[in-house]
Amino acid sequence: MSMTVNKISISLPVHIAEYLSATVGKRHVSRFITKVLEEKLLRDTSKDPVEDFIAIRNRLPRVSDHAIRAAITKGRI
């Protein structure tokens, strides 16, 4: 699944950047930060978690049920 992204630049204190790279690996920093921000934004702005989920789902590319099931199965192997 391909996702459109918007590349941004952020500044972090050196000790946080080094710890982040050491913890998640340099190649996974963007993925980690994206996940943390999504969770934080949902937690801080959520009035109805179900409605928030539906709103996010509506902005994401459509994925077939078959593809979702295949990904779940692949993750369980």
PDB file of N, CA and C in Angstrom:
ATOM      1  N   MET A   1       0.846  -1.169   0.000  1.00  0.00           N
ATOM      2  CA  MET A   1       0.000   0.000   0.000  1.00  0.00           C
ATOM      3  C   MET A   1       0.891   1.231   0.000  1.00  0.00           C
ATOM      4  N   SER A   2       0.622   2.133  -0.921  1.00  0.00           N
ATOM      5  CA  SER A   2       1.380   3.365  -1.028  1.00  0.00           C
ATOM      6  C   SER A   2       0.594   4.496  -0.387  1.00  0.00           C
ATOM      7  N   MET A   3       1.297   5.345   0.341  1.00  0.00           N
ATOM      8  CA  MET A   3       0.636   6.446   1.010  1.00  0.00           C
ATOM      9  C   MET A   3       1.334   7.742   0.606  1.00  0.00           C
ATOM     10  N   THR A   4       0.548   8.761   0.316  1.00  0.00           N
ATOM     11  CA  THR A   4       1.114  10.067   0.025  1.00  0.00           C
ATOM     12  C   THR A   4       1.636  10.652   1.330  1.00  0.00           C
ATOM     13  N   VAL A   5       2.819  11.212   1.284  1.00  0.00           N
ATOM     14  CA  VAL A   5       3.412  11.778   2.493  1.00  0.00           C
ATOM     15  C   VAL A   5       3.809  13.224   2.252  1.00  0.00           C
ATOM     16  N   ASN A   6       3.960  13.958   3.326  1.00  0.00           N
ATOM     17  CA  ASN A   6       4.445  15.321   3.302  1.00  0.00           C
ATOM     18  C   ASN A   6       5.701  15.350   4.150  1.00  0.00           C
ATOM     19  N   LYS A   7       6.825  15.569   3.522  1.00  0.00           N
ATOM     20  CA  LYS A   7       8.095  15.562   4.245  1.00  0.00           C
ATOM     21  C   LYS A   7       8.254  16.893   4.989  1.00  0.00           C
ATOM     22  N   ILE A   8       8.561  16.796   6.286  1.00  0.00           N
ATOM     23  CA  ILE A   8       8.789  17.984   7.098  1.00  0.00           C
ATOM     24  C   ILE A   8      10.118  17.819   7.829  1.00  0.00           C
ATOM     25  N   SER A   9      10.590  18.899   8.370  1.00  0.00           N
ATOM     26  CA  SER A   9      11.816  18.874   9.160  1.00  0.00           C
ATOM     27  C   SER A   9      11.468  19.318  10.572  1.00  0.00           C
ATOM     28  N   ILE A  10      11.966  18.575  11.561  1.00  0.00           N
ATOM     29  CA  ILE A  10      11.745  18.962  12.953  1.00  0.00           C
ATOM     30  C   ILE A  10      13.090  19.039  13.657  1.00  0.00           C
ATOM     31  N   SER A  11      13.134  19.793  14.709  1.00  0.00           N
ATOM     32  CA  SER A  11      14.354  19.920  15.503  1.00  0.00           C
ATOM     33  C   SER A  11      14.124  19.268  16.855  1.00  0.00           C
ATOM     34  N   LEU A  12      15.072  18.440  17.264  1.00  0.00           N
ATOM     35  CA  LEU A  12      15.010  17.759  18.556  1.00  0.00           C
ATOM     36  C   LEU A  12      16.301  18.013  19.312  1.00  0.00           C
ATOM     37  N   PRO A  13      16.230  18.030  20.621  1.00  0.00           N
ATOM     38  CA  PRO A  13      17.480  18.077  21.386  1.00  0.00           C
ATOM     39  C   PRO A  13      18.336  16.858  21.019  1.00  0.00           C
ATOM     40  N   VAL A  14      19.630  17.037  21.006  1.00  0.00           N
ATOM     41  CA  VAL A  14      20.544  15.979  20.584  1.00  0.00           C
ATOM     42  C   VAL A  14      20.323  14.686  21.367  1.00  0.00           C
ATOM     43  N   HIS A  15      20.160  14.791  22.675  1.00  0.00           N
ATOM     44  CA  HIS A  15      20.031  13.565  23.475  1.00  0.00           C
ATOM     45  C   HIS A  15      18.758  12.795  23.115  1.00  0.00           C
ATOM     46  N   ILE A  16      17.686  13.506  22.760  1.00  0.00           N
ATOM     47  CA  ILE A  16      16.455  12.822  22.371  1.00  0.00           C
ATOM     48  C   ILE A  16      16.620  12.185  20.997  1.00  0.00           C
ATOM     49  N   ALA A  17      17.208  12.908  20.065  1.00  0.00           N
ATOM     50  CA  ALA A  17      17.425  12.365  18.719  1.00  0.00           C
ATOM     51  C   ALA A  17      18.308  11.115  18.761  1.00  0.00           C
ATOM     52  N   GLU A  18      19.360  11.158  19.551  1.00  0.00           N
ATOM     53  CA  GLU A  18      20.259  10.001  19.660  1.00  0.00           C
ATOM     54  C   GLU A  18      19.559   8.814  20.310  1.00  0.00           C
ATOM     55  N   TYR A  19      18.791   9.083  21.351  1.00  0.00           N
ATOM     56  CA  TYR A  19      18.064   8.006  22.028  1.00  0.00           C
ATOM     57  C   TYR A  19      17.018   7.399  21.099  1.00  0.00           C
ATOM     58  N   LEU A  20      16.320   8.251  20.361  1.00  0.00           N
ATOM     59  CA  LEU A  20      15.315   7.782  19.417  1.00  0.00           C
ATOM     60  C   LEU A  20      15.940   6.890  18.350  1.00  0.00           C
ATOM     61  N   SER A  21      17.028   7.322  17.753  1.00  0.00           N
ATOM     62  CA  SER A  21      17.707   6.521  16.734  1.00  0.00           C
ATOM     63  C   SER A  21      18.206   5.200  17.294  1.00  0.00           C
ATOM     64  N   ALA A  22      18.740   5.238  18.498  1.00  0.00           N
ATOM     65  CA  ALA A  22      19.253   4.011  19.113  1.00  0.00           C
ATOM     66  C   ALA A  22      18.121   3.055  19.477  1.00  0.00           C
ATOM     67  N   THR A  23      16.971   3.601  19.832  1.00  0.00           N
ATOM     68  CA  THR A  23      15.848   2.784  20.278  1.00  0.00           C
ATOM     69  C   THR A  23      15.087   2.156  19.120  1.00  0.00           C
ATOM     70  N   VAL A  24      14.746   2.950  18.111  1.00  0.00           N
ATOM     71  CA  VAL A  24      13.922   2.426  17.011  1.00  0.00           C
ATOM     72  C   VAL A  24      14.707   2.191  15.732  1.00  0.00           C
ATOM     73  N   GLY A  25      15.934   2.651  15.669  1.00  0.00           N
ATOM     74  CA  GLY A  25      16.742   2.517  14.460  1.00  0.00           C
ATOM     75  C   GLY A  25      16.514   3.706  13.539  1.00  0.00           C
ATOM     76  N   LYS A  26      17.568   4.159  12.890  1.00  0.00           N
ATOM     77  CA  LYS A  26      17.488   5.357  12.045  1.00  0.00           C
ATOM     78  C   LYS A  26      16.457   5.219  10.932  1.00  0.00           C
ATOM     79  N   ARG A  27      16.292   4.015  10.406  1.00  0.00           N
ATOM     80  CA  ARG A  27      15.369   3.814   9.290  1.00  0.00           C
ATOM     81  C   ARG A  27      13.906   3.811   9.720  1.00  0.00           C
ATOM     82  N   HIS A  28      13.635   3.787  11.017  1.00  0.00           N
ATOM     83  CA  HIS A  28      12.257   3.693  11.493  1.00  0.00           C
ATOM     84  C   HIS A  28      11.803   4.907  12.295  1.00  0.00           C
ATOM     85  N   VAL A  29      12.598   5.959  12.320  1.00  0.00           N
ATOM     86  CA  VAL A  29      12.273   7.144  13.111  1.00  0.00           C
ATOM     87  C   VAL A  29      10.972   7.787  12.624  1.00  0.00           C
ATOM     88  N   SER A  30      10.812   7.987  11.320  1.00  0.00           N
ATOM     89  CA  SER A  30       9.599   8.627  10.802  1.00  0.00           C
ATOM     90  C   SER A  30       8.364   7.811  11.140  1.00  0.00           C
ATOM     91  N   ARG A  31       8.442   6.504  10.972  1.00  0.00           N
ATOM     92  CA  ARG A  31       7.296   5.643  11.276  1.00  0.00           C
ATOM     93  C   ARG A  31       6.927   5.746  12.754  1.00  0.00           C
ATOM     94  N   PHE A  32       7.944   5.733  13.620  1.00  0.00           N
ATOM     95  CA  PHE A  32       7.710   5.823  15.063  1.00  0.00           C
ATOM     96  C   PHE A  32       7.060   7.155  15.432  1.00  0.00           C
ATOM     97  N   ILE A  33       7.610   8.251  14.905  1.00  0.00           N
ATOM     98  CA  ILE A  33       7.073   9.570  15.223  1.00  0.00           C
ATOM     99  C   ILE A  33       5.647   9.709  14.704  1.00  0.00           C
ATOM    100  N   THR A  34       5.370   9.194  13.523  1.00  0.00           N
ATOM    101  CA  THR A  34       4.017   9.232  12.971  1.00  0.00           C
ATOM    102  C   THR A  34       3.042   8.505  13.886  1.00  0.00           C
ATOM    103  N   LYS A  35       3.418   7.317  14.338  1.00  0.00           N
ATOM    104  CA  LYS A  35       2.538   6.533  15.207  1.00  0.00           C
ATOM    105  C   LYS A  35       2.279   7.265  16.523  1.00  0.00           C
ATOM    106  N   VAL A  36       3.334   7.796  17.119  1.00  0.00           N
ATOM    107  CA  VAL A  36       3.192   8.499  18.400  1.00  0.00           C
ATOM    108  C   VAL A  36       2.310   9.738  18.241  1.00  0.00           C
ATOM    109  N   LEU A  37       2.500  10.488  17.168  1.00  0.00           N
ATOM    110  CA  LEU A  37       1.687  11.679  16.951  1.00  0.00           C
ATOM    111  C   LEU A  37       0.228  11.332  16.707  1.00  0.00           C
ATOM    112  N   GLU A  38      -0.033  10.283  15.925  1.00  0.00           N
ATOM    113  CA  GLU A  38      -1.414   9.857  15.704  1.00  0.00           C
ATOM    114  C   GLU A  38      -2.091   9.515  17.035  1.00  0.00           C
ATOM    115  N   GLU A  39      -1.397   8.738  17.858  1.00  0.00           N
ATOM    116  CA  GLU A  39      -1.960   8.348  19.150  1.00  0.00           C
ATOM    117  C   GLU A  39      -2.204   9.569  20.032  1.00  0.00           C
ATOM    118  N   LYS A  40      -1.256  10.477  20.071  1.00  0.00           N
ATOM    119  CA  LYS A  40      -1.375  11.680  20.909  1.00  0.00           C
ATOM    120  C   LYS A  40      -2.511  12.565  20.426  1.00  0.00           C
ATOM    121  N   LEU A  41      -2.587  12.785  19.118  1.00  0.00           N
ATOM    122  CA  LEU A  41      -3.647  13.637  18.586  1.00  0.00           C
ATOM    123  C   LEU A  41      -5.023  13.044  18.841  1.00  0.00           C
ATOM    124  N   LEU A  42      -5.161  11.739  18.667  1.00  0.00           N
ATOM    125  CA  LEU A  42      -6.439  11.096  18.944  1.00  0.00           C
ATOM    126  C   LEU A  42      -6.800  11.204  20.416  1.00  0.00           C
ATOM    127  N   ARG A  43      -5.832  10.964  21.271  1.00  0.00           N
ATOM    128  CA  ARG A  43      -6.080  11.005  22.712  1.00  0.00           C
ATOM    129  C   ARG A  43      -6.458  12.418  23.161  1.00  0.00           C
ATOM    130  N   ASP A  44      -5.779  13.415  22.634  1.00  0.00           N
ATOM    131  CA  ASP A  44      -5.994  14.789  23.084  1.00  0.00           C
ATOM    132  C   ASP A  44      -7.222  15.452  22.472  1.00  0.00           C
ATOM    133  N   THR A  45      -7.625  15.023  21.293  1.00  0.00           N
ATOM    134  CA  THR A  45      -8.728  15.701  20.608  1.00  0.00           C
ATOM    135  C   THR A  45      -9.992  14.859  20.550  1.00  0.00           C
ATOM    136  N   SER A  46      -9.924  13.646  21.048  1.00  0.00           N
ATOM    137  CA  SER A  46     -11.036  12.728  20.900  1.00  0.00           C
ATOM    138  C   SER A  46     -12.192  13.052  21.835  1.00  0.00           C
ATOM    139  N   LYS A  47     -13.355  13.171  21.235  1.00  0.00           N
ATOM    140  CA  LYS A  47     -14.582  13.257  22.011  1.00  0.00           C
ATOM    141  C   LYS A  47     -15.349  11.951  21.877  1.00  0.00           C
ATOM    142  N   ASP A  48     -15.228  11.343  20.700  1.00  0.00           N
ATOM    143  CA  ASP A  48     -15.868  10.066  20.418  1.00  0.00           C
ATOM    144  C   ASP A  48     -14.879   9.217  19.628  1.00  0.00           C
ATOM    145  N   PRO A  49     -14.235   8.261  20.270  1.00  0.00           N
ATOM    146  CA  PRO A  49     -13.209   7.462  19.587  1.00  0.00           C
ATOM    147  C   PRO A  49     -13.709   6.772  18.327  1.00  0.00           C
ATOM    148  N   VAL A  50     -14.946   6.341  18.309  1.00  0.00           N
ATOM    149  CA  VAL A  50     -15.478   5.666  17.120  1.00  0.00           C
ATOM    150  C   VAL A  50     -15.576   6.653  15.958  1.00  0.00           C
ATOM    151  N   GLU A  51     -16.096   7.830  16.217  1.00  0.00           N
ATOM    152  CA  GLU A  51     -16.192   8.846  15.169  1.00  0.00           C
ATOM    153  C   GLU A  51     -14.803   9.269  14.687  1.00  0.00           C
ATOM    154  N   ASP A  52     -13.853   9.383  15.603  1.00  0.00           N
ATOM    155  CA  ASP A  52     -12.482   9.729  15.227  1.00  0.00           C
ATOM    156  C   ASP A  52     -11.884   8.652  14.323  1.00  0.00           C
ATOM    157  N   PHE A  53     -12.106   7.392  14.670  1.00  0.00           N
ATOM    158  CA  PHE A  53     -11.601   6.288  13.858  1.00  0.00           C
ATOM    159  C   PHE A  53     -12.200   6.347  12.459  1.00  0.00           C
ATOM    160  N   ILE A  54     -13.501   6.570  12.379  1.00  0.00           N
ATOM    161  CA  ILE A  54     -14.172   6.626  11.076  1.00  0.00           C
ATOM    162  C   ILE A  54     -13.634   7.802  10.254  1.00  0.00           C
ATOM    163  N   ALA A  55     -13.413   8.931  10.893  1.00  0.00           N
ATOM    164  CA  ALA A  55     -12.887  10.096  10.184  1.00  0.00           C
ATOM    165  C   ALA A  55     -11.495   9.819   9.626  1.00  0.00           C
ATOM    166  N   ILE A  56     -10.649   9.188  10.425  1.00  0.00           N
ATOM    167  CA  ILE A  56      -9.303   8.855   9.947  1.00  0.00           C
ATOM    168  C   ILE A  56      -9.400   7.829   8.824  1.00  0.00           C
ATOM    169  N   ARG A  57     -10.231   6.828   9.017  1.00  0.00           N
ATOM    170  CA  ARG A  57     -10.403   5.768   8.007  1.00  0.00           C
ATOM    171  C   ARG A  57     -10.858   6.354   6.679  1.00  0.00           C
ATOM    172  N   ASN A  58     -11.711   7.365   6.730  1.00  0.00           N
ATOM    173  CA  ASN A  58     -12.208   7.990   5.500  1.00  0.00           C
ATOM    174  C   ASN A  58     -11.124   8.764   4.759  1.00  0.00           C
ATOM    175  N   ARG A  59     -10.080   9.197   5.457  1.00  0.00           N
ATOM    176  CA  ARG A  59      -8.985   9.927   4.815  1.00  0.00           C
ATOM    177  C   ARG A  59      -7.913   9.006   4.260  1.00  0.00           C
ATOM    178  N   LEU A  60      -7.911   7.740   4.676  1.00  0.00           N
ATOM    179  CA  LEU A  60      -6.890   6.800   4.230  1.00  0.00           C
ATOM    180  C   LEU A  60      -7.282   6.153   2.914  1.00  0.00           C
ATOM    181  N   PRO A  61      -6.278   5.661   2.166  1.00  0.00           N
ATOM    182  CA  PRO A  61      -6.609   4.944   0.936  1.00  0.00           C
ATOM    183  C   PRO A  61      -7.435   3.704   1.253  1.00  0.00           C
ATOM    184  N   ARG A  62      -8.338   3.379   0.360  1.00  0.00           N
ATOM    185  CA  ARG A  62      -9.179   2.203   0.550  1.00  0.00           C
ATOM    186  C   ARG A  62      -8.347   0.932   0.420  1.00  0.00           C
ATOM    187  N   VAL A  63      -8.570   0.013   1.340  1.00  0.00           N
ATOM    188  CA  VAL A  63      -7.892  -1.286   1.329  1.00  0.00           C
ATOM    189  C   VAL A  63      -8.991  -2.341   1.397  1.00  0.00           C
ATOM    190  N   SER A  64      -8.878  -3.335   0.538  1.00  0.00           N
ATOM    191  CA  SER A  64      -9.913  -4.368   0.509  1.00  0.00           C
ATOM    192  C   SER A  64      -9.865  -5.223   1.777  1.00  0.00           C
ATOM    193  N   ASP A  65     -11.002  -5.818   2.089  1.00  0.00           N
ATOM    194  CA  ASP A  65     -11.059  -6.737   3.230  1.00  0.00           C
ATOM    195  C   ASP A  65     -10.052  -7.861   3.058  1.00  0.00           C
ATOM    196  N   HIS A  66      -9.901  -8.328   1.824  1.00  0.00           N
ATOM    197  CA  HIS A  66      -8.952  -9.412   1.541  1.00  0.00           C
ATOM    198  C   HIS A  66      -7.523  -8.989   1.900  1.00  0.00           C
ATOM    199  N   ALA A  67      -7.146  -7.768   1.523  1.00  0.00           N
ATOM    200  CA  ALA A  67      -5.795  -7.276   1.821  1.00  0.00           C
ATOM    201  C   ALA A  67      -5.584  -7.138   3.328  1.00  0.00           C
ATOM    202  N   ILE A  68      -6.611  -6.676   4.028  1.00  0.00           N
ATOM    203  CA  ILE A  68      -6.502  -6.539   5.482  1.00  0.00           C
ATOM    204  C   ILE A  68      -6.337  -7.905   6.136  1.00  0.00           C
ATOM    205  N   ARG A  69      -7.172  -8.862   5.711  1.00  0.00           N
ATOM    206  CA  ARG A  69      -7.071 -10.216   6.266  1.00  0.00           C
ATOM    207  C   ARG A  69      -5.709 -10.842   5.961  1.00  0.00           C
ATOM    208  N   ALA A  70      -5.197 -10.617   4.764  1.00  0.00           N
ATOM    209  CA  ALA A  70      -3.889 -11.162   4.385  1.00  0.00           C
ATOM    210  C   ALA A  70      -2.789 -10.554   5.253  1.00  0.00           C
ATOM    211  N   ALA A  71      -2.875  -9.258   5.518  1.00  0.00           N
ATOM    212  CA  ALA A  71      -1.874  -8.603   6.374  1.00  0.00           C
ATOM    213  C   ALA A  71      -1.929  -9.120   7.796  1.00  0.00           C
ATOM    214  N   ILE A  72      -3.144  -9.347   8.295  1.00  0.00           N
ATOM    215  CA  ILE A  72      -3.301  -9.885   9.653  1.00  0.00           C
ATOM    216  C   ILE A  72      -2.728 -11.294   9.720  1.00  0.00           C
ATOM    217  N   THR A  73      -3.055 -12.101   8.733  1.00  0.00           N
ATOM    218  CA  THR A  73      -2.545 -13.468   8.698  1.00  0.00           C
ATOM    219  C   THR A  73      -1.032 -13.483   8.594  1.00  0.00           C
ATOM    220  N   LYS A  74      -0.473 -12.620   7.752  1.00  0.00           N
ATOM    221  CA  LYS A  74       0.975 -12.549   7.591  1.00  0.00           C
ATOM    222  C   LYS A  74       1.641 -12.184   8.914  1.00  0.00           C
ATOM    223  N   GLY A  75       1.035 -11.273   9.672  1.00  0.00           N
ATOM    224  CA  GLY A  75       1.599 -10.848  10.941  1.00  0.00           C
ATOM    225  C   GLY A  75       1.552 -11.924  12.011  1.00  0.00           C
ATOM    226  N   ARG A  76       0.682 -12.909  11.823  1.00  0.00           N
ATOM    227  CA  ARG A  76       0.523 -13.969  12.829  1.00  0.00           C
ATOM    228  C   ARG A  76       1.415 -15.160  12.551  1.00  0.00           C
ATOM    229  N   ILE A  77       2.040 -15.190  11.396  1.00  0.00           N
ATOM    230  CA  ILE A  77       2.880 -16.348  11.054  1.00  0.00           C
ATOM    231  C   ILE A  77       4.193 -16.272  11.780  1.00  0.00           C
TER     232      ILE A  77
END
